[in-house]
Structures are given as structure tokens and as C-alpha cells.
Amino acid sequence: MKTIELNVEQIINDAGQLIREEFWLNGGFHNEHGPAVRVWNDAGQLIYEAFWLNDRLHNEHGPAIREWNDAGQLTYEEFWLNYERLSKDKWIAKTQSCVGKIVTIDGKQYRLEEVK
């Protein structure tokens, strides 16, 4: 039997507002369903989020790190895929293409390649 330790830590300010939330798996940042770290300012505005898997940055659905100013404007983003930092264009090329993806047909797995 394998035991995993999944924890969610929330930090609340003196006014009772959530200002930081972290998801941990076996001691490292991890959340398969959303950001593993989120930070809000005292007004309740989200100002930072980061997507982690197995204590490494990764997000195949968008930027792995995003930051906003207090007015809610996006000021910074980083793209990470399979624990590698990529430019936005390289991230788009890798996530929008089916090349290299694995599909299951009739119980067998196949890796897709481009037909030329």
C-alpha cells in the first residue's frame, strides 16, 4: 500500500480574508486541477498564481505563472511545459499540435505523427 500526503494550507489575514492558498503533495507543491499557489491582496484581488505538478512548474492549459497588479491587470506570465520554461510561441506550438500525443484506440496506445 502506498501512502500519499495531500495538504492544503490557507493563510487568512486579521480581517478574515484569504490571502494565500497552497496545495502540497508529499511535501512539494502539487495540484492537478488548478494552481498550486494563489495569492490575493488585502482587497481580495488575485495577484499571483502558479501551477505545479510534483513540485515542478507545469501547465498545459496556459501560463504556469501569472501576476496581476492591484488594479487586476495582468503584468507578468511564464509558460512551463513538462518542467521546461518556454516562450509563449513555443508553448503554443507544443500544446496546439497533436504530434507526439498518445491516444488509445481499442485498448492499444499509439503516438501521433504528422503525415507528410
Protein backbone atom coordinates (compact mmCIF):
# COMPACT_ATOMS: atom_id res chain seq x y z
CA MET A 1 0.00 0.00 0.00
CA LYS A 2 1.29 3.44 -0.96
CA THR A 3 0.51 6.39 1.29
CA ILE A 4 0.36 9.92 -0.06
CA GLU A 5 0.13 13.08 1.97
CA LEU A 6 -2.05 15.78 0.39
CA ASN A 7 -2.30 19.10 2.21
CA VAL A 8 -3.98 22.43 1.57
CA GLU A 9 -2.67 25.39 3.53
CA GLN A 10 -4.63 28.63 3.67
CA ILE A 11 -3.44 31.86 5.21
CA ILE A 12 -6.09 34.28 6.46
CA ASN A 13 -5.33 37.91 7.35
CA ASP A 14 -6.54 39.64 10.52
CA ALA A 15 -9.70 40.77 8.69
CA GLY A 16 -10.61 37.14 7.96
CA GLN A 17 -9.75 37.28 4.24
CA LEU A 18 -7.94 34.51 2.43
CA ILE A 19 -4.61 35.93 1.23
CA ARG A 20 -2.65 32.77 0.30
CA GLU A 21 -3.52 29.19 -0.61
CA GLU A 22 -1.08 26.35 -1.29
CA PHE A 23 -1.61 22.73 -2.33
CA TRP A 24 1.03 20.18 -1.34
CA LEU A 25 1.57 16.52 -2.17
CA ASN A 26 4.22 14.61 -0.24
CA GLY A 27 5.97 17.84 0.75
CA GLY A 28 6.07 19.55 -2.69
CA PHE A 29 3.75 21.97 -4.49
CA HIS A 30 1.19 19.99 -6.48
CA ASN A 31 -2.32 20.44 -7.86
CA GLU A 32 -3.61 18.51 -10.88
CA HIS A 33 -6.81 20.56 -11.08
CA GLY A 34 -5.65 24.16 -10.88
CA PRO A 35 -2.98 26.43 -9.44
CA ALA A 36 -0.95 25.04 -6.53
CA VAL A 37 -0.24 28.55 -5.21
CA ARG A 38 -2.53 31.57 -5.22
CA VAL A 39 -2.03 34.93 -3.51
CA TRP A 40 -4.57 37.74 -3.01
CA ASN A 41 -4.03 41.30 -1.83
CA ASP A 42 -5.92 42.66 1.19
CA ALA A 43 -8.71 43.89 -1.11
CA GLY A 44 -9.35 40.31 -2.28
CA GLN A 45 -7.80 40.79 -5.75
CA LEU A 46 -5.87 37.79 -7.08
CA ILE A 47 -2.28 38.98 -7.65
CA TYR A 48 -0.33 35.75 -8.20
CA GLU A 49 -0.88 32.14 -9.21
CA ALA A 50 1.45 29.28 -10.11
CA PHE A 51 0.70 25.81 -11.47
CA TRP A 52 2.87 22.99 -10.12
CA LEU A 53 2.95 19.22 -10.60
CA ASN A 54 5.25 17.12 -8.45
CA ASP A 55 6.98 20.26 -7.12
CA ARG A 56 7.81 21.48 -10.64
CA LEU A 57 6.23 24.23 -12.72
CA HIS A 58 3.90 22.90 -15.43
CA ASN A 59 0.67 23.97 -17.17
CA GLU A 60 -0.54 22.64 -20.50
CA HIS A 61 -3.62 24.91 -20.45
CA GLY A 62 -1.97 28.32 -20.14
CA PRO A 63 0.78 30.20 -18.33
CA ALA A 64 2.28 28.38 -15.34
CA ILE A 65 2.92 31.67 -13.55
CA ARG A 66 0.78 34.79 -13.73
CA GLU A 67 0.94 38.04 -11.80
CA TRP A 68 -1.51 40.94 -11.69
CA ASN A 69 -1.26 44.45 -10.31
CA ASP A 70 -3.69 45.72 -7.68
CA ALA A 71 -5.98 47.02 -10.46
CA GLY A 72 -6.37 43.47 -11.80
CA GLN A 73 -4.24 43.97 -14.92
CA LEU A 74 -2.02 41.05 -15.97
CA THR A 75 1.59 42.21 -15.62
CA TYR A 76 3.65 39.03 -15.99
CA GLU A 77 3.40 35.45 -17.22
CA GLU A 78 5.71 32.47 -17.74
CA PHE A 79 4.99 29.35 -19.75
CA TRP A 80 6.22 25.97 -18.50
CA LEU A 81 5.54 22.57 -20.02
CA ASN A 82 6.94 19.30 -18.70
CA TYR A 83 9.07 21.32 -16.27
CA GLU A 84 10.74 23.30 -19.08
CA ARG A 85 10.37 27.07 -19.43
CA LEU A 86 9.23 28.03 -22.94
CA SER A 87 8.47 31.19 -24.85
CA LYS A 88 4.77 31.74 -25.44
CA ASP A 89 5.18 30.86 -29.14
CA LYS A 90 6.97 27.56 -28.36
CA TRP A 91 4.38 26.71 -25.73
CA ILE A 92 1.58 27.33 -28.26
CA ALA A 93 3.33 25.18 -30.88
CA LYS A 94 3.72 22.28 -28.43
CA THR A 95 0.24 22.44 -26.93
CA GLN A 96 -1.72 23.13 -30.13
CA SER A 97 -0.14 20.29 -32.10
CA CYS A 98 -1.23 16.66 -31.91
CA VAL A 99 2.25 15.43 -32.89
CA GLY A 100 3.67 13.27 -30.12
CA LYS A 101 0.39 12.91 -28.26
CA ILE A 102 -0.62 9.44 -27.16
CA VAL A 103 -4.10 8.14 -27.97
CA THR A 104 -5.78 4.89 -27.03
CA ILE A 105 -7.72 3.00 -29.70
CA ASP A 106 -9.31 -0.37 -28.92
CA GLY A 107 -7.21 -0.62 -25.77
CA LYS A 108 -3.85 -0.04 -27.51
CA GLN A 109 -1.81 3.15 -27.24
CA TYR A 110 -0.43 4.97 -30.28
CA ARG A 111 1.83 8.05 -30.57
CA LEU A 112 0.63 10.50 -33.24
CA GLU A 113 2.94 11.66 -36.04
CA GLU A 114 2.40 14.19 -38.80
CA VAL A 115 1.57 12.74 -42.22
CA LYS A 116 3.52 14.48 -44.96
